[in-house]
């Protein structure tokens, strides 16, 4: 079953907060990685955590284009939907 948009967003925000050791209240969908001081190594850790959480594989090309929290949420949503459509 697909997570709701709100649930998916909340899970991604929690993952970013946990990997960055930040208070979840300080992470919003409108943050850029620069605002959160997320560098390329941090981004890789976030991608690994997202892949584990949602049982998806994020293509390398997608990883290179992630610059905001919204990019992560939108990418995860797209991959989760694609996975669900191929599973049915």
PDB file of N, CA and C in Angstrom:
ATOM      1  N   UNK A   1       0.844  -1.194   0.000  1.00  0.00           N
ATOM      2  CA  UNK A   1       0.000   0.000   0.000  1.00  0.00           C
ATOM      3  C   UNK A   1       0.887   1.255   0.000  1.00  0.00           C
ATOM      4  N   UNK A   2       0.514   2.209  -0.803  1.00  0.00           N
ATOM      5  CA  UNK A   2       1.275   3.452  -0.899  1.00  0.00           C
ATOM      6  C   UNK A   2       1.060   4.325   0.333  1.00  0.00           C
ATOM      7  N   UNK A   3       2.139   4.927   0.837  1.00  0.00           N
ATOM      8  CA  UNK A   3       1.945   5.886   1.928  1.00  0.00           C
ATOM      9  C   UNK A   3       1.236   7.134   1.393  1.00  0.00           C
ATOM     10  N   UNK A   4       0.473   7.785   2.256  1.00  0.00           N
ATOM     11  CA  UNK A   4      -0.149   9.050   1.857  1.00  0.00           C
ATOM     12  C   UNK A   4       0.956  10.079   1.632  1.00  0.00           C
ATOM     13  N   UNK A   5       0.615  11.154   0.924  1.00  0.00           N
ATOM     14  CA  UNK A   5       1.607  12.211   0.695  1.00  0.00           C
ATOM     15  C   UNK A   5       2.142  12.759   2.014  1.00  0.00           C
ATOM     16  N   UNK A   6       1.236  12.965   2.981  1.00  0.00           N
ATOM     17  CA  UNK A   6       1.662  13.498   4.283  1.00  0.00           C
ATOM     18  C   UNK A   6       2.585  12.525   5.006  1.00  0.00           C
ATOM     19  N   UNK A   7       2.243  11.238   4.961  1.00  0.00           N
ATOM     20  CA  UNK A   7       3.075  10.236   5.634  1.00  0.00           C
ATOM     21  C   UNK A   7       4.443  10.139   4.971  1.00  0.00           C
ATOM     22  N   UNK A   8       4.464  10.114   3.648  1.00  0.00           N
ATOM     23  CA  UNK A   8       5.728  10.035   2.927  1.00  0.00           C
ATOM     24  C   UNK A   8       6.604  11.241   3.256  1.00  0.00           C
ATOM     25  N   UNK A   9       6.024  12.419   3.226  1.00  0.00           N
ATOM     26  CA  UNK A   9       6.769  13.634   3.553  1.00  0.00           C
ATOM     27  C   UNK A   9       7.309  13.579   4.977  1.00  0.00           C
ATOM     28  N   UNK A  10       6.485  13.160   5.921  1.00  0.00           N
ATOM     29  CA  UNK A  10       6.909  13.078   7.324  1.00  0.00           C
ATOM     30  C   UNK A  10       8.061  12.093   7.492  1.00  0.00           C
ATOM     31  N   UNK A  11       7.992  10.977   6.796  1.00  0.00           N
ATOM     32  CA  UNK A  11       9.061   9.976   6.890  1.00  0.00           C
ATOM     33  C   UNK A  11      10.369  10.516   6.310  1.00  0.00           C
ATOM     34  N   UNK A  12      10.302  11.212   5.193  1.00  0.00           N
ATOM     35  CA  UNK A  12      11.513  11.795   4.596  1.00  0.00           C
ATOM     36  C   UNK A  12      12.094  12.872   5.520  1.00  0.00           C
ATOM     37  N   UNK A  13      11.234  13.729   6.075  1.00  0.00           N
ATOM     38  CA  UNK A  13      11.718  14.763   7.000  1.00  0.00           C
ATOM     39  C   UNK A  13      12.391  14.127   8.214  1.00  0.00           C
ATOM     40  N   UNK A  14      11.802  13.046   8.737  1.00  0.00           N
ATOM     41  CA  UNK A  14      12.387  12.353   9.892  1.00  0.00           C
ATOM     42  C   UNK A  14      13.757  11.785   9.533  1.00  0.00           C
ATOM     43  N   UNK A  15      13.874  11.174   8.358  1.00  0.00           N
ATOM     44  CA  UNK A  15      15.152  10.605   7.924  1.00  0.00           C
ATOM     45  C   UNK A  15      16.218  11.691   7.825  1.00  0.00           C
ATOM     46  N   UNK A  16      15.869  12.815   7.215  1.00  0.00           N
ATOM     47  CA  UNK A  16      16.839  13.909   7.078  1.00  0.00           C
ATOM     48  C   UNK A  16      17.246  14.432   8.446  1.00  0.00           C
ATOM     49  N   UNK A  17      16.285  14.614   9.330  1.00  0.00           N
ATOM     50  CA  UNK A  17      16.604  15.093  10.686  1.00  0.00           C
ATOM     51  C   UNK A  17      17.517  14.100  11.403  1.00  0.00           C
ATOM     52  N   UNK A  18      17.209  12.817  11.309  1.00  0.00           N
ATOM     53  CA  UNK A  18      18.020  11.808  11.998  1.00  0.00           C
ATOM     54  C   UNK A  18      19.437  11.724  11.429  1.00  0.00           C
ATOM     55  N   UNK A  19      19.556  11.708  10.099  1.00  0.00           N
ATOM     56  CA  UNK A  19      20.895  11.584   9.519  1.00  0.00           C
ATOM     57  C   UNK A  19      21.745  12.824   9.792  1.00  0.00           C
ATOM     58  N   UNK A  20      21.093  13.967   9.955  1.00  0.00           N
ATOM     59  CA  UNK A  20      21.815  15.218  10.217  1.00  0.00           C
ATOM     60  C   UNK A  20      21.904  15.542  11.711  1.00  0.00           C
ATOM     61  N   UNK A  21      21.333  14.672  12.538  1.00  0.00           N
ATOM     62  CA  UNK A  21      21.305  14.884  13.994  1.00  0.00           C
ATOM     63  C   UNK A  21      20.731  16.263  14.332  1.00  0.00           C
ATOM     64  N   UNK A  22      19.574  16.524  13.724  1.00  0.00           N
ATOM     65  CA  UNK A  22      18.880  17.797  13.926  1.00  0.00           C
ATOM     66  C   UNK A  22      17.536  17.534  14.575  1.00  0.00           C
ATOM     67  N   UNK A  23      17.029  18.537  15.237  1.00  0.00           N
ATOM     68  CA  UNK A  23      15.664  18.502  15.748  1.00  0.00           C
ATOM     69  C   UNK A  23      14.738  18.453  14.531  1.00  0.00           C
ATOM     70  N   UNK A  24      13.829  17.462  14.465  1.00  0.00           N
ATOM     71  CA  UNK A  24      12.926  17.375  13.310  1.00  0.00           C
ATOM     72  C   UNK A  24      12.138  18.660  13.053  1.00  0.00           C
ATOM     73  N   UNK A  25      11.902  19.436  14.088  1.00  0.00           N
ATOM     74  CA  UNK A  25      11.154  20.685  13.930  1.00  0.00           C
ATOM     75  C   UNK A  25      11.941  21.721  13.119  1.00  0.00           C
ATOM     76  N   UNK A  26      13.246  21.491  12.948  1.00  0.00           N
ATOM     77  CA  UNK A  26      14.073  22.456  12.204  1.00  0.00           C
ATOM     78  C   UNK A  26      14.221  22.097  10.733  1.00  0.00           C
ATOM     79  N   UNK A  27      13.556  21.023  10.299  1.00  0.00           N
ATOM     80  CA  UNK A  27      13.636  20.584   8.904  1.00  0.00           C
ATOM     81  C   UNK A  27      12.259  20.722   8.270  1.00  0.00           C
ATOM     82  N   UNK A  28      12.194  21.446   7.144  1.00  0.00           N
ATOM     83  CA  UNK A  28      10.916  21.581   6.445  1.00  0.00           C
ATOM     84  C   UNK A  28      11.103  21.215   4.978  1.00  0.00           C
ATOM     85  N   UNK A  29      10.006  20.925   4.326  1.00  0.00           N
ATOM     86  CA  UNK A  29      10.048  20.550   2.913  1.00  0.00           C
ATOM     87  C   UNK A  29      10.599  21.679   2.053  1.00  0.00           C
ATOM     88  N   UNK A  30      10.549  22.900   2.535  1.00  0.00           N
ATOM     89  CA  UNK A  30      11.015  24.047   1.757  1.00  0.00           C
ATOM     90  C   UNK A  30      12.498  24.365   1.949  1.00  0.00           C
ATOM     91  N   UNK A  31      13.197  23.598   2.810  1.00  0.00           N
ATOM     92  CA  UNK A  31      14.627  23.834   3.025  1.00  0.00           C
ATOM     93  C   UNK A  31      15.460  23.377   1.835  1.00  0.00           C
ATOM     94  N   UNK A  32      16.524  24.127   1.566  1.00  0.00           N
ATOM     95  CA  UNK A  32      17.528  23.651   0.623  1.00  0.00           C
ATOM     96  C   UNK A  32      18.587  22.901   1.420  1.00  0.00           C
ATOM     97  N   UNK A  33      19.362  22.088   0.718  1.00  0.00           N
ATOM     98  CA  UNK A  33      20.445  21.390   1.404  1.00  0.00           C
ATOM     99  C   UNK A  33      21.469  22.388   1.938  1.00  0.00           C
ATOM    100  N   UNK A  34      21.687  23.485   1.209  1.00  0.00           N
ATOM    101  CA  UNK A  34      22.618  24.514   1.688  1.00  0.00           C
ATOM    102  C   UNK A  34      22.153  25.085   3.023  1.00  0.00           C
ATOM    103  N   UNK A  35      20.873  25.365   3.143  1.00  0.00           N
ATOM    104  CA  UNK A  35      20.326  25.916   4.395  1.00  0.00           C
ATOM    105  C   UNK A  35      20.526  24.956   5.568  1.00  0.00           C
ATOM    106  N   UNK A  36      20.493  23.660   5.275  1.00  0.00           N
ATOM    107  CA  UNK A  36      20.648  22.654   6.325  1.00  0.00           C
ATOM    108  C   UNK A  36      22.099  22.191   6.472  1.00  0.00           C
ATOM    109  N   UNK A  37      23.008  22.822   5.734  1.00  0.00           N
ATOM    110  CA  UNK A  37      24.441  22.466   5.749  1.00  0.00           C
ATOM    111  C   UNK A  37      24.655  20.998   5.387  1.00  0.00           C
ATOM    112  N   UNK A  38      23.916  20.535   4.390  1.00  0.00           N
ATOM    113  CA  UNK A  38      24.047  19.157   3.913  1.00  0.00           C
ATOM    114  C   UNK A  38      25.008  19.159   2.738  1.00  0.00           C
ATOM    115  N   UNK A  39      26.134  18.442   2.916  1.00  0.00           N
ATOM    116  CA  UNK A  39      27.106  18.350   1.829  1.00  0.00           C
ATOM    117  C   UNK A  39      26.872  17.060   1.046  1.00  0.00           C
ATOM    118  N   UNK A  40      27.742  16.780   0.083  1.00  0.00           N
ATOM    119  CA  UNK A  40      27.520  15.624  -0.793  1.00  0.00           C
ATOM    120  C   UNK A  40      27.580  14.297  -0.034  1.00  0.00           C
ATOM    121  N   UNK A  41      28.452  14.191   0.951  1.00  0.00           N
ATOM    122  CA  UNK A  41      28.508  12.949   1.750  1.00  0.00           C
ATOM    123  C   UNK A  41      27.241  12.783   2.584  1.00  0.00           C
ATOM    124  N   UNK A  42      26.752  13.883   3.153  1.00  0.00           N
ATOM    125  CA  UNK A  42      25.487  13.829   3.890  1.00  0.00           C
ATOM    126  C   UNK A  42      24.354  13.392   2.971  1.00  0.00           C
ATOM    127  N   UNK A  43      24.347  13.922   1.743  1.00  0.00           N
ATOM    128  CA  UNK A  43      23.299  13.582   0.783  1.00  0.00           C
ATOM    129  C   UNK A  43      23.316  12.089   0.468  1.00  0.00           C
ATOM    130  N   UNK A  44      24.507  11.514   0.341  1.00  0.00           N
ATOM    131  CA  UNK A  44      24.624  10.073   0.089  1.00  0.00           C
ATOM    132  C   UNK A  44      24.042   9.288   1.260  1.00  0.00           C
ATOM    133  N   UNK A  45      24.332   9.712   2.471  1.00  0.00           N
ATOM    134  CA  UNK A  45      23.774   9.038   3.653  1.00  0.00           C
ATOM    135  C   UNK A  45      22.252   9.137   3.680  1.00  0.00           C
ATOM    136  N   UNK A  46      21.729  10.282   3.307  1.00  0.00           N
ATOM    137  CA  UNK A  46      20.279  10.464   3.252  1.00  0.00           C
ATOM    138  C   UNK A  46      19.677   9.528   2.211  1.00  0.00           C
ATOM    139  N   UNK A  47      20.317   9.447   1.043  1.00  0.00           N
ATOM    140  CA  UNK A  47      19.817   8.564  -0.019  1.00  0.00           C
ATOM    141  C   UNK A  47      19.811   7.111   0.458  1.00  0.00           C
ATOM    142  N   UNK A  48      20.885   6.656   1.101  1.00  0.00           N
ATOM    143  CA  UNK A  48      20.913   5.282   1.612  1.00  0.00           C
ATOM    144  C   UNK A  48      19.777   5.041   2.603  1.00  0.00           C
ATOM    145  N   UNK A  49      19.565   5.994   3.490  1.00  0.00           N
ATOM    146  CA  UNK A  49      18.500   5.848   4.490  1.00  0.00           C
ATOM    147  C   UNK A  49      17.122   5.814   3.839  1.00  0.00           C
ATOM    148  N   UNK A  50      16.922   6.658   2.834  1.00  0.00           N
ATOM    149  CA  UNK A  50      15.647   6.691   2.107  1.00  0.00           C
ATOM    150  C   UNK A  50      15.430   5.373   1.361  1.00  0.00           C
ATOM    151  N   UNK A  51      16.482   4.871   0.730  1.00  0.00           N
ATOM    152  CA  UNK A  51      16.369   3.602   0.013  1.00  0.00           C
ATOM    153  C   UNK A  51      15.961   2.481   0.967  1.00  0.00           C
ATOM    154  N   UNK A  52      16.566   2.445   2.142  1.00  0.00           N
ATOM    155  CA  UNK A  52      16.220   1.418   3.134  1.00  0.00           C
ATOM    156  C   UNK A  52      14.800   1.589   3.653  1.00  0.00           C
ATOM    157  N   UNK A  53      14.420   2.811   3.951  1.00  0.00           N
ATOM    158  CA  UNK A  53      13.098   3.099   4.520  1.00  0.00           C
ATOM    159  C   UNK A  53      11.967   2.695   3.569  1.00  0.00           C
ATOM    160  N   UNK A  54      12.151   2.989   2.285  1.00  0.00           N
ATOM    161  CA  UNK A  54      11.075   2.780   1.322  1.00  0.00           C
ATOM    162  C   UNK A  54      11.305   1.581   0.395  1.00  0.00           C
ATOM    163  N   UNK A  55      12.400   0.855   0.593  1.00  0.00           N
ATOM    164  CA  UNK A  55      12.740  -0.307  -0.250  1.00  0.00           C
ATOM    165  C   UNK A  55      12.742   0.073  -1.734  1.00  0.00           C
ATOM    166  N   UNK A  56      13.484   1.126  -2.036  1.00  0.00           N
ATOM    167  CA  UNK A  56      13.609   1.610  -3.415  1.00  0.00           C
ATOM    168  C   UNK A  56      15.083   1.757  -3.747  1.00  0.00           C
ATOM    169  N   UNK A  57      15.380   1.919  -5.031  1.00  0.00           N
ATOM    170  CA  UNK A  57      16.729   2.224  -5.493  1.00  0.00           C
ATOM    171  C   UNK A  57      16.690   3.572  -6.186  1.00  0.00           C
ATOM    172  N   UNK A  58      17.469   4.514  -5.665  1.00  0.00           N
ATOM    173  CA  UNK A  58      17.518   5.852  -6.259  1.00  0.00           C
ATOM    174  C   UNK A  58      18.620   5.860  -7.313  1.00  0.00           C
ATOM    175  N   UNK A  59      18.268   6.127  -8.577  1.00  0.00           N
ATOM    176  CA  UNK A  59      19.290   6.164  -9.637  1.00  0.00           C
ATOM    177  C   UNK A  59      20.345   7.236  -9.360  1.00  0.00           C
ATOM    178  N   UNK A  60      21.585   6.920  -9.736  1.00  0.00           N
ATOM    179  CA  UNK A  60      22.694   7.857  -9.509  1.00  0.00           C
ATOM    180  C   UNK A  60      22.418   9.219 -10.128  1.00  0.00           C
ATOM    181  N   UNK A  61      21.804   9.248 -11.318  1.00  0.00           N
ATOM    182  CA  UNK A  61      21.506  10.530 -11.961  1.00  0.00           C
ATOM    183  C   UNK A  61      20.566  11.372 -11.106  1.00  0.00           C
ATOM    184  N   UNK A  62      19.611  10.721 -10.429  1.00  0.00           N
ATOM    185  CA  UNK A  62      18.695  11.444  -9.542  1.00  0.00           C
ATOM    186  C   UNK A  62      19.437  12.014  -8.340  1.00  0.00           C
ATOM    187  N   UNK A  63      20.380  11.252  -7.812  1.00  0.00           N
ATOM    188  CA  UNK A  63      21.146  11.702  -6.641  1.00  0.00           C
ATOM    189  C   UNK A  63      21.880  12.997  -6.957  1.00  0.00           C
ATOM    190  N   UNK A  64      22.427  13.092  -8.153  1.00  0.00           N
ATOM    191  CA  UNK A  64      23.211  14.271  -8.532  1.00  0.00           C
ATOM    192  C   UNK A  64      22.367  15.537  -8.656  1.00  0.00           C
ATOM    193  N   UNK A  65      21.055  15.392  -8.806  1.00  0.00           N
ATOM    194  CA  UNK A  65      20.203  16.569  -9.011  1.00  0.00           C
ATOM    195  C   UNK A  65      19.484  17.021  -7.738  1.00  0.00           C
ATOM    196  N   UNK A  66      19.655  16.296  -6.650  1.00  0.00           N
ATOM    197  CA  UNK A  66      18.965  16.643  -5.400  1.00  0.00           C
ATOM    198  C   UNK A  66      19.617  17.865  -4.764  1.00  0.00           C
ATOM    199  N   UNK A  67      18.814  18.907  -4.549  1.00  0.00           N
ATOM    200  CA  UNK A  67      19.323  20.144  -3.933  1.00  0.00           C
ATOM    201  C   UNK A  67      18.448  20.622  -2.778  1.00  0.00           C
ATOM    202  N   UNK A  68      17.239  20.070  -2.680  1.00  0.00           N
ATOM    203  CA  UNK A  68      16.301  20.519  -1.647  1.00  0.00           C
ATOM    204  C   UNK A  68      15.600  19.322  -1.015  1.00  0.00           C
ATOM    205  N   UNK A  69      14.989  19.574   0.128  1.00  0.00           N
ATOM    206  CA  UNK A  69      14.191  18.543   0.782  1.00  0.00           C
ATOM    207  C   UNK A  69      13.028  18.146  -0.131  1.00  0.00           C
ATOM    208  N   UNK A  70      12.433  19.119  -0.804  1.00  0.00           N
ATOM    209  CA  UNK A  70      11.325  18.828  -1.717  1.00  0.00           C
ATOM    210  C   UNK A  70      11.785  17.909  -2.854  1.00  0.00           C
ATOM    211  N   UNK A  71      13.016  18.079  -3.342  1.00  0.00           N
ATOM    212  CA  UNK A  71      13.549  17.175  -4.372  1.00  0.00           C
ATOM    213  C   UNK A  71      13.544  15.733  -3.866  1.00  0.00           C
ATOM    214  N   UNK A  72      13.933  15.545  -2.614  1.00  0.00           N
ATOM    215  CA  UNK A  72      13.964  14.198  -2.041  1.00  0.00           C
ATOM    216  C   UNK A  72      12.544  13.639  -1.960  1.00  0.00           C
ATOM    217  N   UNK A  73      11.621  14.421  -1.413  1.00  0.00           N
ATOM    218  CA  UNK A  73      10.228  13.976  -1.267  1.00  0.00           C
ATOM    219  C   UNK A  73       9.631  13.633  -2.627  1.00  0.00           C
ATOM    220  N   UNK A  74       9.806  14.509  -3.603  1.00  0.00           N
ATOM    221  CA  UNK A  74       9.236  14.279  -4.937  1.00  0.00           C
ATOM    222  C   UNK A  74       9.853  13.044  -5.600  1.00  0.00           C
ATOM    223  N   UNK A  75      11.156  12.885  -5.441  1.00  0.00           N
ATOM    224  CA  UNK A  75      11.839  11.730  -6.026  1.00  0.00           C
ATOM    225  C   UNK A  75      11.397  10.426  -5.388  1.00  0.00           C
ATOM    226  N   UNK A  76      11.300  10.426  -4.073  1.00  0.00           N
ATOM    227  CA  UNK A  76      10.838   9.227  -3.366  1.00  0.00           C
ATOM    228  C   UNK A  76       9.411   8.895  -3.792  1.00  0.00           C
ATOM    229  N   UNK A  77       8.552   9.900  -3.845  1.00  0.00           N
ATOM    230  CA  UNK A  77       7.154   9.666  -4.253  1.00  0.00           C
ATOM    231  C   UNK A  77       7.109   9.023  -5.640  1.00  0.00           C
ATOM    232  N   UNK A  78       7.879   9.571  -6.576  1.00  0.00           N
ATOM    233  CA  UNK A  78       7.896   9.041  -7.937  1.00  0.00           C
ATOM    234  C   UNK A  78       8.364   7.584  -7.954  1.00  0.00           C
ATOM    235  N   UNK A  79       9.419   7.264  -7.202  1.00  0.00           N
ATOM    236  CA  UNK A  79       9.957   5.912  -7.185  1.00  0.00           C
ATOM    237  C   UNK A  79       9.031   4.919  -6.475  1.00  0.00           C
ATOM    238  N   UNK A  80       8.375   5.373  -5.406  1.00  0.00           N
ATOM    239  CA  UNK A  80       7.430   4.514  -4.683  1.00  0.00           C
ATOM    240  C   UNK A  80       6.220   4.197  -5.569  1.00  0.00           C
ATOM    241  N   UNK A  81       5.723   5.188  -6.261  1.00  0.00           N
ATOM    242  CA  UNK A  81       4.584   4.985  -7.161  1.00  0.00           C
ATOM    243  C   UNK A  81       4.968   4.044  -8.305  1.00  0.00           C
ATOM    244  N   UNK A  82       6.158   4.246  -8.884  1.00  0.00           N
ATOM    245  CA  UNK A  82       6.621   3.393  -9.977  1.00  0.00           C
ATOM    246  C   UNK A  82       6.780   1.954  -9.509  1.00  0.00           C
ATOM    247  N   UNK A  83       7.325   1.775  -8.302  1.00  0.00           N
ATOM    248  CA  UNK A  83       7.503   0.429  -7.755  1.00  0.00           C
ATOM    249  C   UNK A  83       6.156  -0.242  -7.541  1.00  0.00           C
ATOM    250  N   UNK A  84       5.191   0.497  -7.016  1.00  0.00           N
ATOM    251  CA  UNK A  84       3.863  -0.059  -6.754  1.00  0.00           C
ATOM    252  C   UNK A  84       3.163  -0.452  -8.064  1.00  0.00           C
ATOM    253  N   UNK A  85       3.372   0.355  -9.105  1.00  0.00           N
ATOM    254  CA  UNK A  85       2.698   0.053 -10.372  1.00  0.00           C
ATOM    255  C   UNK A  85       3.298  -1.172 -11.062  1.00  0.00           C
ATOM    256  N   UNK A  86       4.588  -1.430 -10.849  1.00  0.00           N
ATOM    257  CA  UNK A  86       5.192  -2.619 -11.439  1.00  0.00           C
ATOM    258  C   UNK A  86       4.905  -3.864 -10.611  1.00  0.00           C
ATOM    259  N   UNK A  87       4.583  -3.684  -9.333  1.00  0.00           N
ATOM    260  CA  UNK A  87       4.292  -4.823  -8.454  1.00  0.00           C
ATOM    261  C   UNK A  87       2.876  -5.350  -8.652  1.00  0.00           C
ATOM    262  N   UNK A  88       2.004  -4.535  -9.227  1.00  0.00           N
ATOM    263  CA  UNK A  88       0.607  -4.967  -9.357  1.00  0.00           C
ATOM    264  C   UNK A  88       0.313  -5.598 -10.689  1.00  0.00           C
TER     265      UNK A  88
END
